[in-house]
Amino acid sequence: MFVSQISIGFSYAIRKALGATKQHNTITPYLSFEILSVILERDRPCEKKILVGSTTDEPSIAEARGLGYEVNILRRVPGQAPQNDEPKPASGKSKGKNSSEQAVDEIIIMKILESLVDHPPSTIVLATGDGNAAEFGDGFIKTIERSLQRGWNVELVAFRHNLNNSWKKLGSPKFHIILLDGYLVDLTRLDQNITLTKEKGKKK
């Protein structure tokens, strides 16, 4: 699971549901990993569950660990500014200096390739939406193509907003896209309020 991509899609879907514009500050509620895990697993046995990203959402990280995920949280490195739709921390504090993720894609790809080598064909569930080439490799799509060629079933789980169009070009009957937009209410943690405020100096 590429947690940052899922979090970005979740944040955008919340803003869209609230009718928020770029002039609004929205503090996105925490994503429920318990519900997300149910959607991903659907009562199927799992050989391994991997979460990779650079999120500072400690409650969600703790929840994922409690659900048996191997959690790999990487430090952001100086570089390109985060995407505009990246969720604001629940505390309302910004990240400060521009930074970007590094090697997140590569870790997930490595875990997938390990499964191709270590296990007979079964099902890979990839929660992301990212279809760009990785900084140090071919990217997710090439890796999934290799998986399909080796007889694996693949389910891509993503929000519509950050689903790369390249995924739609994979024509294999073993490949399926599952959109999370219809599960938005279920995925929202109910122990936190959503705050929507107008930025100062901005006009409607």
N, C-alpha and C. Protein backbone atom coordinates (compact mmCIF):
# COMPACT_ATOMS: atom_id res chain seq x y z
N MET A 1 0.83 -1.19 0.00
CA MET A 1 0.00 0.00 0.00
C MET A 1 0.88 1.25 0.00
N PHE A 2 0.64 2.15 -0.95
CA PHE A 2 1.31 3.45 -0.99
C PHE A 2 0.41 4.42 -0.23
N VAL A 3 0.68 4.57 1.06
CA VAL A 3 -0.25 5.28 1.94
C VAL A 3 -0.39 6.75 1.56
N SER A 4 0.65 7.39 1.07
CA SER A 4 0.56 8.80 0.72
C SER A 4 -0.40 9.02 -0.44
N GLN A 5 -0.36 8.14 -1.44
CA GLN A 5 -1.28 8.26 -2.57
C GLN A 5 -2.72 8.07 -2.13
N ILE A 6 -2.96 7.11 -1.26
CA ILE A 6 -4.31 6.88 -0.76
C ILE A 6 -4.77 8.07 0.08
N SER A 7 -3.89 8.62 0.90
CA SER A 7 -4.24 9.77 1.74
C SER A 7 -4.56 11.00 0.91
N ILE A 8 -3.80 11.22 -0.17
CA ILE A 8 -4.06 12.35 -1.05
C ILE A 8 -5.43 12.20 -1.71
N GLY A 9 -5.73 11.01 -2.21
CA GLY A 9 -7.03 10.77 -2.82
C GLY A 9 -8.16 10.93 -1.83
N PHE A 10 -7.95 10.48 -0.60
CA PHE A 10 -8.95 10.61 0.46
C PHE A 10 -9.20 12.08 0.78
N SER A 11 -8.13 12.85 0.90
CA SER A 11 -8.24 14.28 1.19
C SER A 11 -9.02 15.00 0.10
N TYR A 12 -8.69 14.71 -1.15
CA TYR A 12 -9.38 15.36 -2.28
C TYR A 12 -10.86 15.00 -2.28
N ALA A 13 -11.17 13.73 -2.03
CA ALA A 13 -12.56 13.29 -2.03
C ALA A 13 -13.36 13.97 -0.92
N ILE A 14 -12.73 14.17 0.25
CA ILE A 14 -13.39 14.88 1.35
C ILE A 14 -13.67 16.32 0.96
N ARG A 15 -12.68 16.99 0.39
CA ARG A 15 -12.86 18.38 -0.04
C ARG A 15 -13.96 18.50 -1.08
N LYS A 16 -13.98 17.58 -2.01
CA LYS A 16 -15.00 17.61 -3.06
C LYS A 16 -16.38 17.40 -2.47
N ALA A 17 -16.50 16.47 -1.52
CA ALA A 17 -17.79 16.19 -0.89
C ALA A 17 -18.29 17.39 -0.10
N LEU A 18 -17.37 18.19 0.47
CA LEU A 18 -17.73 19.38 1.25
C LEU A 18 -17.95 20.61 0.38
N GLY A 19 -17.64 20.49 -0.91
CA GLY A 19 -17.75 21.64 -1.79
C GLY A 19 -16.65 22.66 -1.54
N ALA A 20 -15.53 22.21 -1.01
CA ALA A 20 -14.42 23.11 -0.70
C ALA A 20 -13.71 23.54 -1.98
N THR A 21 -13.20 24.76 -1.98
CA THR A 21 -12.42 25.29 -3.09
C THR A 21 -10.99 25.51 -2.63
N LYS A 22 -10.16 26.03 -3.52
CA LYS A 22 -8.77 26.29 -3.17
C LYS A 22 -8.66 27.38 -2.10
N GLN A 23 -9.73 28.18 -1.93
CA GLN A 23 -9.71 29.25 -0.94
C GLN A 23 -10.03 28.75 0.47
N HIS A 24 -10.36 27.47 0.59
CA HIS A 24 -10.71 26.91 1.89
C HIS A 24 -9.54 26.14 2.49
N ASN A 25 -9.42 26.24 3.79
CA ASN A 25 -8.52 25.36 4.54
C ASN A 25 -9.34 24.21 5.08
N THR A 26 -8.96 23.00 4.75
CA THR A 26 -9.68 21.84 5.24
C THR A 26 -8.74 20.95 6.04
N ILE A 27 -9.10 20.65 7.27
CA ILE A 27 -8.34 19.67 8.04
C ILE A 27 -9.02 18.33 7.84
N THR A 28 -8.36 17.46 7.09
CA THR A 28 -8.96 16.19 6.73
C THR A 28 -8.96 15.23 7.92
N PRO A 29 -10.07 14.54 8.15
CA PRO A 29 -10.10 13.55 9.24
C PRO A 29 -9.19 12.38 8.91
N TYR A 30 -8.89 11.60 9.92
CA TYR A 30 -8.04 10.44 9.70
C TYR A 30 -8.76 9.38 8.89
N LEU A 31 -8.01 8.73 8.04
CA LEU A 31 -8.49 7.60 7.26
C LEU A 31 -8.55 6.37 8.16
N SER A 32 -9.64 5.63 8.09
CA SER A 32 -9.77 4.42 8.89
C SER A 32 -9.07 3.26 8.19
N PHE A 33 -7.91 2.86 8.72
CA PHE A 33 -7.21 1.73 8.13
C PHE A 33 -7.93 0.42 8.39
N GLU A 34 -8.72 0.38 9.43
CA GLU A 34 -9.48 -0.84 9.70
C GLU A 34 -10.46 -1.11 8.56
N ILE A 35 -11.19 -0.07 8.13
CA ILE A 35 -12.14 -0.23 7.04
C ILE A 35 -11.41 -0.44 5.72
N LEU A 36 -10.33 0.32 5.51
CA LEU A 36 -9.55 0.14 4.28
C LEU A 36 -9.03 -1.29 4.19
N SER A 37 -8.58 -1.83 5.30
CA SER A 37 -8.08 -3.20 5.33
C SER A 37 -9.17 -4.20 4.96
N VAL A 38 -10.39 -3.95 5.42
CA VAL A 38 -11.51 -4.82 5.08
C VAL A 38 -11.75 -4.81 3.57
N ILE A 39 -11.68 -3.61 2.97
CA ILE A 39 -11.90 -3.48 1.52
C ILE A 39 -10.80 -4.19 0.75
N LEU A 40 -9.56 -4.06 1.21
CA LEU A 40 -8.43 -4.67 0.52
C LEU A 40 -8.43 -6.19 0.65
N GLU A 41 -8.74 -6.68 1.83
CA GLU A 41 -8.59 -8.11 2.10
C GLU A 41 -9.84 -8.93 1.79
N ARG A 42 -11.01 -8.37 2.12
CA ARG A 42 -12.29 -9.04 1.86
C ARG A 42 -12.28 -10.49 2.36
N ASP A 43 -11.86 -10.67 3.60
CA ASP A 43 -11.87 -11.98 4.26
C ASP A 43 -10.98 -13.03 3.59
N ARG A 44 -10.02 -12.58 2.81
CA ARG A 44 -9.08 -13.52 2.18
C ARG A 44 -7.81 -13.62 3.02
N PRO A 45 -7.20 -14.79 3.08
CA PRO A 45 -5.93 -14.91 3.82
C PRO A 45 -4.84 -14.09 3.13
N CYS A 46 -3.98 -13.45 3.91
CA CYS A 46 -2.92 -12.59 3.37
C CYS A 46 -1.55 -13.12 3.78
N GLU A 47 -0.70 -13.32 2.80
CA GLU A 47 0.66 -13.78 3.08
C GLU A 47 1.50 -12.65 3.67
N LYS A 48 1.33 -11.44 3.12
CA LYS A 48 2.04 -10.28 3.65
C LYS A 48 1.23 -9.02 3.40
N LYS A 49 1.35 -8.07 4.34
CA LYS A 49 0.66 -6.78 4.23
C LYS A 49 1.69 -5.69 4.46
N ILE A 50 1.88 -4.85 3.44
CA ILE A 50 2.95 -3.85 3.47
C ILE A 50 2.36 -2.45 3.34
N LEU A 51 2.80 -1.54 4.19
CA LEU A 51 2.42 -0.13 4.09
C LEU A 51 3.69 0.69 3.99
N VAL A 52 3.76 1.54 2.96
CA VAL A 52 4.94 2.37 2.73
C VAL A 52 4.51 3.81 2.48
N GLY A 53 5.25 4.77 3.03
CA GLY A 53 4.95 6.17 2.79
C GLY A 53 5.78 7.06 3.68
N SER A 54 5.35 8.33 3.78
CA SER A 54 6.06 9.27 4.64
C SER A 54 5.08 10.04 5.52
N THR A 55 3.92 9.46 5.73
CA THR A 55 2.88 10.12 6.52
C THR A 55 3.32 10.35 7.96
N THR A 56 2.79 11.44 8.55
CA THR A 56 3.01 11.70 9.97
C THR A 56 1.74 11.46 10.77
N ASP A 57 0.80 10.77 10.14
CA ASP A 57 -0.50 10.47 10.76
C ASP A 57 -0.32 9.31 11.73
N GLU A 58 0.13 9.62 12.94
CA GLU A 58 0.47 8.58 13.92
C GLU A 58 -0.69 7.65 14.27
N PRO A 59 -1.92 8.16 14.47
CA PRO A 59 -3.03 7.24 14.78
C PRO A 59 -3.24 6.19 13.68
N SER A 60 -3.16 6.63 12.42
CA SER A 60 -3.35 5.68 11.32
C SER A 60 -2.20 4.69 11.23
N ILE A 61 -0.98 5.15 11.48
CA ILE A 61 0.18 4.25 11.48
C ILE A 61 0.02 3.19 12.56
N ALA A 62 -0.37 3.62 13.75
CA ALA A 62 -0.57 2.68 14.85
C ALA A 62 -1.69 1.70 14.53
N GLU A 63 -2.74 2.20 13.88
CA GLU A 63 -3.86 1.33 13.51
C GLU A 63 -3.40 0.28 12.51
N ALA A 64 -2.60 0.71 11.52
CA ALA A 64 -2.10 -0.23 10.51
C ALA A 64 -1.22 -1.30 11.14
N ARG A 65 -0.35 -0.91 12.07
CA ARG A 65 0.50 -1.89 12.76
C ARG A 65 -0.36 -2.89 13.52
N GLY A 66 -1.40 -2.40 14.17
CA GLY A 66 -2.28 -3.28 14.93
C GLY A 66 -3.02 -4.27 14.05
N LEU A 67 -3.17 -3.93 12.76
CA LEU A 67 -3.84 -4.81 11.81
C LEU A 67 -2.86 -5.77 11.13
N GLY A 68 -1.61 -5.75 11.56
CA GLY A 68 -0.64 -6.70 11.04
C GLY A 68 0.16 -6.23 9.85
N TYR A 69 0.13 -4.93 9.55
CA TYR A 69 0.91 -4.42 8.42
C TYR A 69 2.37 -4.23 8.81
N GLU A 70 3.24 -4.57 7.88
CA GLU A 70 4.65 -4.19 8.00
C GLU A 70 4.73 -2.73 7.57
N VAL A 71 5.07 -1.85 8.48
CA VAL A 71 5.03 -0.41 8.21
C VAL A 71 6.43 0.12 7.90
N ASN A 72 6.56 0.78 6.76
CA ASN A 72 7.82 1.39 6.35
C ASN A 72 7.57 2.89 6.14
N ILE A 73 7.90 3.71 7.13
CA ILE A 73 7.72 5.15 7.04
C ILE A 73 9.07 5.80 6.79
N LEU A 74 9.19 6.49 5.66
CA LEU A 74 10.46 7.10 5.26
C LEU A 74 10.43 8.60 5.51
N ARG A 75 11.59 9.16 5.78
CA ARG A 75 11.70 10.60 5.93
C ARG A 75 11.59 11.28 4.57
N ARG A 76 10.92 12.42 4.55
CA ARG A 76 10.87 13.21 3.33
C ARG A 76 12.23 13.88 3.14
N VAL A 77 12.59 14.11 1.89
CA VAL A 77 13.87 14.73 1.58
C VAL A 77 13.63 16.09 0.93
N PRO A 78 14.57 17.04 1.06
CA PRO A 78 14.39 18.35 0.41
C PRO A 78 14.23 18.18 -1.08
N GLY A 79 13.29 18.92 -1.63
CA GLY A 79 13.06 18.80 -3.06
C GLY A 79 11.77 19.44 -3.45
N GLN A 80 11.07 18.80 -4.38
CA GLN A 80 9.83 19.34 -4.92
C GLN A 80 8.77 19.45 -3.83
N ALA A 81 7.98 20.50 -3.91
CA ALA A 81 6.91 20.71 -2.93
C ALA A 81 5.88 19.61 -3.05
N PRO A 82 5.21 19.24 -1.95
CA PRO A 82 4.16 18.24 -1.99
C PRO A 82 3.05 18.67 -2.92
N GLN A 83 2.27 17.72 -3.41
CA GLN A 83 1.15 18.03 -4.28
C GLN A 83 0.15 18.91 -3.55
N ASN A 84 -0.58 19.75 -4.34
CA ASN A 84 -1.53 20.68 -3.74
C ASN A 84 -2.61 20.00 -2.94
N ASP A 85 -2.96 18.79 -3.33
CA ASP A 85 -4.05 18.08 -2.67
C ASP A 85 -3.58 17.22 -1.53
N GLU A 86 -2.28 17.30 -1.18
CA GLU A 86 -1.79 16.49 -0.07
C GLU A 86 -2.49 16.92 1.20
N PRO A 87 -3.00 15.99 1.99
CA PRO A 87 -3.78 16.35 3.17
C PRO A 87 -2.99 17.13 4.19
N LYS A 88 -3.65 18.12 4.78
CA LYS A 88 -3.04 18.88 5.86
C LYS A 88 -3.05 18.04 7.12
N PRO A 89 -1.98 18.02 7.90
CA PRO A 89 -1.96 17.23 9.12
C PRO A 89 -3.14 17.58 10.01
N ALA A 90 -3.63 16.58 10.75
CA ALA A 90 -4.81 16.79 11.58
C ALA A 90 -4.58 17.87 12.62
N SER A 91 -3.35 18.13 12.98
CA SER A 91 -3.04 19.17 13.94
C SER A 91 -3.19 20.56 13.35
N GLY A 92 -3.28 20.60 12.00
CA GLY A 92 -3.38 21.88 11.32
C GLY A 92 -2.03 22.50 11.03
N LYS A 93 -0.94 21.84 11.42
CA LYS A 93 0.40 22.38 11.20
C LYS A 93 0.90 21.97 9.83
N SER A 94 1.61 22.87 9.18
CA SER A 94 2.17 22.56 7.88
C SER A 94 3.49 21.83 8.05
N LYS A 95 4.00 21.26 6.94
CA LYS A 95 5.25 20.52 6.99
C LYS A 95 6.46 21.45 6.95
N GLY A 96 6.20 22.72 6.60
CA GLY A 96 7.31 23.66 6.58
C GLY A 96 7.99 23.66 5.23
N LYS A 97 9.29 23.37 5.19
CA LYS A 97 10.06 23.44 3.95
C LYS A 97 9.54 22.43 2.94
N ASN A 98 9.73 22.81 1.63
CA ASN A 98 9.34 21.90 0.57
C ASN A 98 10.12 20.60 0.69
N SER A 99 9.42 19.51 0.50
CA SER A 99 10.07 18.21 0.59
C SER A 99 9.30 17.23 -0.27
N SER A 100 9.91 16.09 -0.54
CA SER A 100 9.26 15.09 -1.37
C SER A 100 9.64 13.70 -0.88
N GLU A 101 8.88 12.73 -1.35
CA GLU A 101 9.15 11.34 -0.98
C GLU A 101 10.24 10.77 -1.89
N GLN A 102 10.99 9.85 -1.34
CA GLN A 102 12.03 9.21 -2.14
C GLN A 102 12.09 7.73 -1.80
N ALA A 103 12.14 6.92 -2.86
CA ALA A 103 12.30 5.46 -2.76
C ALA A 103 11.06 4.74 -2.23
N VAL A 104 9.93 5.45 -2.11
CA VAL A 104 8.71 4.78 -1.66
C VAL A 104 8.25 3.76 -2.70
N ASP A 105 8.15 4.20 -3.96
CA ASP A 105 7.76 3.28 -5.04
C ASP A 105 8.67 2.06 -5.08
N GLU A 106 9.97 2.31 -4.96
CA GLU A 106 10.94 1.23 -5.10
C GLU A 106 10.78 0.16 -4.02
N ILE A 107 10.44 0.57 -2.80
CA ILE A 107 10.24 -0.41 -1.74
C ILE A 107 9.03 -1.29 -2.03
N ILE A 108 7.94 -0.66 -2.46
CA ILE A 108 6.74 -1.45 -2.79
C ILE A 108 7.03 -2.40 -3.94
N ILE A 109 7.70 -1.89 -4.97
CA ILE A 109 8.04 -2.73 -6.12
C ILE A 109 8.92 -3.90 -5.69
N MET A 110 9.89 -3.65 -4.83
CA MET A 110 10.75 -4.73 -4.33
C MET A 110 9.93 -5.79 -3.62
N LYS A 111 8.96 -5.38 -2.80
CA LYS A 111 8.11 -6.33 -2.07
C LYS A 111 7.27 -7.16 -3.04
N ILE A 112 6.78 -6.52 -4.11
CA ILE A 112 6.00 -7.26 -5.10
C ILE A 112 6.88 -8.29 -5.80
N LEU A 113 8.07 -7.88 -6.22
CA LEU A 113 8.98 -8.80 -6.91
C LEU A 113 9.41 -9.95 -6.01
N GLU A 114 9.56 -9.69 -4.71
CA GLU A 114 9.86 -10.77 -3.77
C GLU A 114 8.74 -11.81 -3.78
N SER A 115 7.50 -11.34 -3.84
CA SER A 115 6.36 -12.26 -3.87
C SER A 115 6.35 -13.09 -5.15
N LEU A 116 6.72 -12.47 -6.28
CA LEU A 116 6.76 -13.21 -7.54
C LEU A 116 7.78 -14.34 -7.48
N VAL A 117 8.87 -14.11 -6.77
CA VAL A 117 9.94 -15.11 -6.67
C VAL A 117 9.61 -16.17 -5.62
N ASP A 118 9.04 -15.75 -4.51
CA ASP A 118 8.89 -16.64 -3.35
C ASP A 118 7.60 -17.44 -3.31
N HIS A 119 6.59 -17.03 -4.09
CA HIS A 119 5.27 -17.66 -3.97
C HIS A 119 4.69 -18.01 -5.34
N PRO A 120 3.86 -19.04 -5.40
CA PRO A 120 3.15 -19.35 -6.65
C PRO A 120 2.13 -18.26 -6.94
N PRO A 121 1.68 -18.12 -8.19
CA PRO A 121 0.74 -17.06 -8.54
C PRO A 121 -0.52 -17.08 -7.68
N SER A 122 -0.89 -15.91 -7.21
CA SER A 122 -2.10 -15.73 -6.41
C SER A 122 -2.66 -14.35 -6.74
N THR A 123 -2.93 -13.52 -5.74
CA THR A 123 -3.50 -12.19 -5.98
C THR A 123 -2.66 -11.12 -5.29
N ILE A 124 -2.32 -10.09 -6.05
CA ILE A 124 -1.66 -8.90 -5.51
C ILE A 124 -2.70 -7.80 -5.42
N VAL A 125 -2.82 -7.18 -4.26
CA VAL A 125 -3.71 -6.03 -4.08
C VAL A 125 -2.81 -4.82 -3.87
N LEU A 126 -2.83 -3.90 -4.82
CA LEU A 126 -1.96 -2.72 -4.77
C LEU A 126 -2.82 -1.48 -4.57
N ALA A 127 -2.66 -0.81 -3.45
CA ALA A 127 -3.41 0.41 -3.15
C ALA A 127 -2.52 1.61 -3.43
N THR A 128 -2.77 2.28 -4.56
CA THR A 128 -1.99 3.46 -4.93
C THR A 128 -2.77 4.32 -5.91
N GLY A 129 -2.55 4.18 -7.19
CA GLY A 129 -3.11 5.04 -8.22
C GLY A 129 -2.00 5.64 -9.05
N ASP A 130 -0.80 5.69 -8.47
CA ASP A 130 0.37 6.23 -9.14
C ASP A 130 0.77 5.32 -10.30
N GLY A 131 0.97 5.92 -11.46
CA GLY A 131 1.38 5.13 -12.62
C GLY A 131 2.61 5.68 -13.30
N ASN A 132 3.28 6.63 -12.66
CA ASN A 132 4.47 7.23 -13.24
C ASN A 132 5.69 6.33 -13.03
N ALA A 133 6.71 6.59 -13.83
CA ALA A 133 7.95 5.84 -13.66
C ALA A 133 8.57 6.21 -12.32
N ALA A 134 9.17 5.24 -11.66
CA ALA A 134 9.82 5.50 -10.38
C ALA A 134 11.13 6.24 -10.61
N GLU A 135 11.61 6.91 -9.56
CA GLU A 135 12.86 7.67 -9.67
C GLU A 135 14.04 6.76 -9.97
N PHE A 136 14.02 5.55 -9.39
CA PHE A 136 15.14 4.63 -9.56
C PHE A 136 14.72 3.32 -10.23
N GLY A 137 13.64 3.34 -11.03
CA GLY A 137 13.21 2.10 -11.66
C GLY A 137 12.10 2.33 -12.66
N ASP A 138 11.45 1.24 -13.06
CA ASP A 138 10.44 1.29 -14.11
C ASP A 138 9.09 1.79 -13.63
N GLY A 139 8.81 1.69 -12.34
CA GLY A 139 7.51 2.12 -11.85
C GLY A 139 6.55 0.95 -11.66
N PHE A 140 5.37 1.29 -11.13
CA PHE A 140 4.40 0.26 -10.77
C PHE A 140 3.84 -0.49 -11.98
N ILE A 141 3.54 0.23 -13.05
CA ILE A 141 2.85 -0.41 -14.17
C ILE A 141 3.69 -1.52 -14.78
N LYS A 142 4.97 -1.27 -15.00
CA LYS A 142 5.84 -2.31 -15.56
C LYS A 142 5.91 -3.51 -14.63
N THR A 143 5.96 -3.25 -13.33
CA THR A 143 6.01 -4.34 -12.35
C THR A 143 4.73 -5.15 -12.37
N ILE A 144 3.60 -4.49 -12.49
CA ILE A 144 2.32 -5.20 -12.54
C ILE A 144 2.19 -5.97 -13.85
N GLU A 145 2.70 -5.42 -14.94
CA GLU A 145 2.71 -6.16 -16.21
C GLU A 145 3.49 -7.46 -16.06
N ARG A 146 4.62 -7.40 -15.39
CA ARG A 146 5.41 -8.62 -15.15
C ARG A 146 4.62 -9.62 -14.30
N SER A 147 3.91 -9.10 -13.32
CA SER A 147 3.10 -9.98 -12.46
C SER A 147 2.01 -10.68 -13.25
N LEU A 148 1.33 -9.92 -14.11
CA LEU A 148 0.26 -10.50 -14.93
C LEU A 148 0.81 -11.55 -15.89
N GLN A 149 1.97 -11.28 -16.45
CA GLN A 149 2.59 -12.23 -17.38
C GLN A 149 2.95 -13.54 -16.70
N ARG A 150 3.15 -13.49 -15.40
CA ARG A 150 3.50 -14.68 -14.63
C ARG A 150 2.29 -15.34 -13.98
N GLY A 151 1.10 -14.92 -14.40
CA GLY A 151 -0.11 -15.61 -13.97
C GLY A 151 -0.77 -15.08 -12.71
N TRP A 152 -0.31 -13.95 -12.20
CA TRP A 152 -0.91 -13.39 -10.99
C TRP A 152 -2.17 -12.60 -11.32
N ASN A 153 -3.11 -12.61 -10.38
CA ASN A 153 -4.24 -11.68 -10.44
C ASN A 153 -3.83 -10.40 -9.73
N VAL A 154 -4.26 -9.27 -10.24
CA VAL A 154 -3.89 -7.99 -9.63
C VAL A 154 -5.12 -7.12 -9.46
N GLU A 155 -5.30 -6.59 -8.26
CA GLU A 155 -6.35 -5.62 -7.97
C GLU A 155 -5.70 -4.29 -7.62
N LEU A 156 -6.03 -3.26 -8.37
CA LEU A 156 -5.53 -1.92 -8.08
C LEU A 156 -6.63 -1.15 -7.34
N VAL A 157 -6.33 -0.68 -6.15
CA VAL A 157 -7.30 0.03 -5.32
C VAL A 157 -6.86 1.49 -5.23
N ALA A 158 -7.75 2.42 -5.61
CA ALA A 158 -7.35 3.83 -5.67
C ALA A 158 -8.58 4.73 -5.62
N PHE A 159 -8.33 6.00 -5.35
CA PHE A 159 -9.35 7.03 -5.52
C PHE A 159 -9.29 7.53 -6.96
N ARG A 160 -10.43 7.90 -7.50
CA ARG A 160 -10.50 8.31 -8.90
C ARG A 160 -9.58 9.50 -9.19
N HIS A 161 -9.47 10.42 -8.23
CA HIS A 161 -8.71 11.66 -8.45
C HIS A 161 -7.26 11.40 -8.83
N ASN A 162 -6.60 10.46 -8.17
CA ASN A 162 -5.19 10.23 -8.48
C ASN A 162 -4.93 8.89 -9.13
N LEU A 163 -5.91 8.42 -9.90
CA LEU A 163 -5.72 7.20 -10.69
C LEU A 163 -5.10 7.58 -12.02
N ASN A 164 -3.88 7.17 -12.24
CA ASN A 164 -3.19 7.46 -13.49
C ASN A 164 -3.90 6.75 -14.65
N ASN A 165 -4.12 7.49 -15.74
CA ASN A 165 -4.84 6.92 -16.89
C ASN A 165 -4.12 5.73 -17.51
N SER A 166 -2.83 5.62 -17.28
CA SER A 166 -2.08 4.50 -17.86
C SER A 166 -2.59 3.15 -17.35
N TRP A 167 -3.14 3.14 -16.13
CA TRP A 167 -3.66 1.88 -15.59
C TRP A 167 -4.82 1.34 -16.42
N LYS A 168 -5.59 2.25 -17.01
CA LYS A 168 -6.77 1.83 -17.76
C LYS A 168 -6.40 1.14 -19.07
N LYS A 169 -5.13 1.23 -19.45
CA LYS A 169 -4.68 0.62 -20.70
C LYS A 169 -4.27 -0.84 -20.52
N LEU A 170 -4.21 -1.30 -19.28
CA LEU A 170 -3.88 -2.71 -19.05
C LEU A 170 -5.13 -3.54 -19.33
N GLY A 171 -5.06 -4.34 -20.38
CA GLY A 171 -6.26 -5.04 -20.83
C GLY A 171 -6.39 -6.47 -20.34
N SER A 172 -5.59 -6.88 -19.39
CA SER A 172 -5.62 -8.27 -18.93
C SER A 172 -6.90 -8.57 -18.15
N PRO A 173 -7.52 -9.73 -18.39
CA PRO A 173 -8.68 -10.13 -17.59
C PRO A 173 -8.33 -10.42 -16.14
N LYS A 174 -7.04 -10.53 -15.84
CA LYS A 174 -6.60 -10.77 -14.47
C LYS A 174 -6.37 -9.46 -13.70
N PHE A 175 -6.60 -8.32 -14.36
CA PHE A 175 -6.37 -7.02 -13.74
C PHE A 175 -7.69 -6.30 -13.51
N HIS A 176 -7.90 -5.82 -12.29
CA HIS A 176 -9.14 -5.13 -11.94
C HIS A 176 -8.84 -3.87 -11.15
N ILE A 177 -9.61 -2.81 -11.42
CA ILE A 177 -9.50 -1.55 -10.69
C ILE A 177 -10.68 -1.42 -9.74
N ILE A 178 -10.39 -1.14 -8.48
CA ILE A 178 -11.43 -0.94 -7.46
C ILE A 178 -11.32 0.49 -6.96
N LEU A 179 -12.36 1.30 -7.18
CA LEU A 179 -12.35 2.70 -6.77
C LEU A 179 -12.88 2.85 -5.35
N LEU A 180 -12.20 3.67 -4.57
CA LEU A 180 -12.55 3.86 -3.16
C LEU A 180 -13.56 4.98 -2.94
N ASP A 181 -13.87 5.76 -3.97
CA ASP A 181 -14.74 6.93 -3.80
C ASP A 181 -16.09 6.57 -3.20
N GLY A 182 -16.62 5.42 -3.57
CA GLY A 182 -17.92 5.01 -3.05
C GLY A 182 -17.90 4.59 -1.59
N TYR A 183 -16.69 4.47 -1.02
CA TYR A 183 -16.55 4.05 0.38
C TYR A 183 -16.13 5.22 1.28
N LEU A 184 -16.26 6.46 0.79
CA LEU A 184 -15.72 7.61 1.50
C LEU A 184 -16.25 7.73 2.93
N VAL A 185 -17.55 7.60 3.11
CA VAL A 185 -18.13 7.72 4.45
C VAL A 185 -17.60 6.61 5.36
N ASP A 186 -17.52 5.40 4.84
CA ASP A 186 -17.04 4.27 5.64
C ASP A 186 -15.57 4.46 6.03
N LEU A 187 -14.79 5.08 5.15
CA LEU A 187 -13.36 5.23 5.38
C LEU A 187 -13.02 6.38 6.33
N THR A 188 -14.00 7.21 6.66
CA THR A 188 -13.76 8.37 7.50
C THR A 188 -13.85 8.00 8.97
N ARG A 189 -12.77 8.26 9.70
CA ARG A 189 -12.76 8.02 11.14
C ARG A 189 -13.77 8.96 11.80
N LEU A 190 -14.66 8.43 12.60
CA LEU A 190 -15.74 9.23 13.18
C LEU A 190 -15.36 9.89 14.50
N ASP A 191 -14.13 9.71 14.95
CA ASP A 191 -13.72 10.30 16.23
C ASP A 191 -13.04 11.65 16.05
N GLN A 192 -13.20 12.24 14.86
CA GLN A 192 -12.58 13.54 14.62
C GLN A 192 -13.49 14.37 13.72
N ASN A 193 -13.68 15.63 14.06
CA ASN A 193 -14.50 16.52 13.27
C ASN A 193 -13.74 17.03 12.05
N ILE A 194 -14.48 17.41 11.01
CA ILE A 194 -13.90 18.01 9.82
C ILE A 194 -14.02 19.52 9.94
N THR A 195 -12.92 20.24 9.77
CA THR A 195 -12.93 21.69 9.89
C THR A 195 -12.76 22.31 8.51
N LEU A 196 -13.67 23.23 8.17
CA LEU A 196 -13.62 23.90 6.87
C LEU A 196 -13.67 25.39 7.13
N THR A 197 -12.60 26.11 6.84
CA THR A 197 -12.55 27.55 7.08
C THR A 197 -12.09 28.27 5.83
N LYS A 198 -12.46 29.53 5.73
CA LYS A 198 -12.07 30.36 4.59
C LYS A 198 -10.74 31.02 4.90
N GLU A 199 -9.82 31.00 3.95
CA GLU A 199 -8.54 31.66 4.16
C GLU A 199 -8.74 33.17 4.25
N LYS A 200 -7.98 33.83 5.10
CA LYS A 200 -8.08 35.27 5.25
C LYS A 200 -7.62 35.96 3.98
N GLY A 201 -8.36 37.03 3.62
CA GLY A 201 -7.98 37.81 2.45
C GLY A 201 -8.49 37.24 1.16
N LYS A 202 -9.17 36.07 1.20
CA LYS A 202 -9.70 35.45 0.00
C LYS A 202 -11.17 35.81 -0.16
N LYS A 203 -11.54 36.15 -1.35
CA LYS A 203 -12.94 36.46 -1.64
C LYS A 203 -13.60 35.30 -2.33
N LYS A 204 -14.92 35.23 -2.19
CA LYS A 204 -15.66 34.16 -2.85
C LYS A 204 -15.63 34.36 -4.36
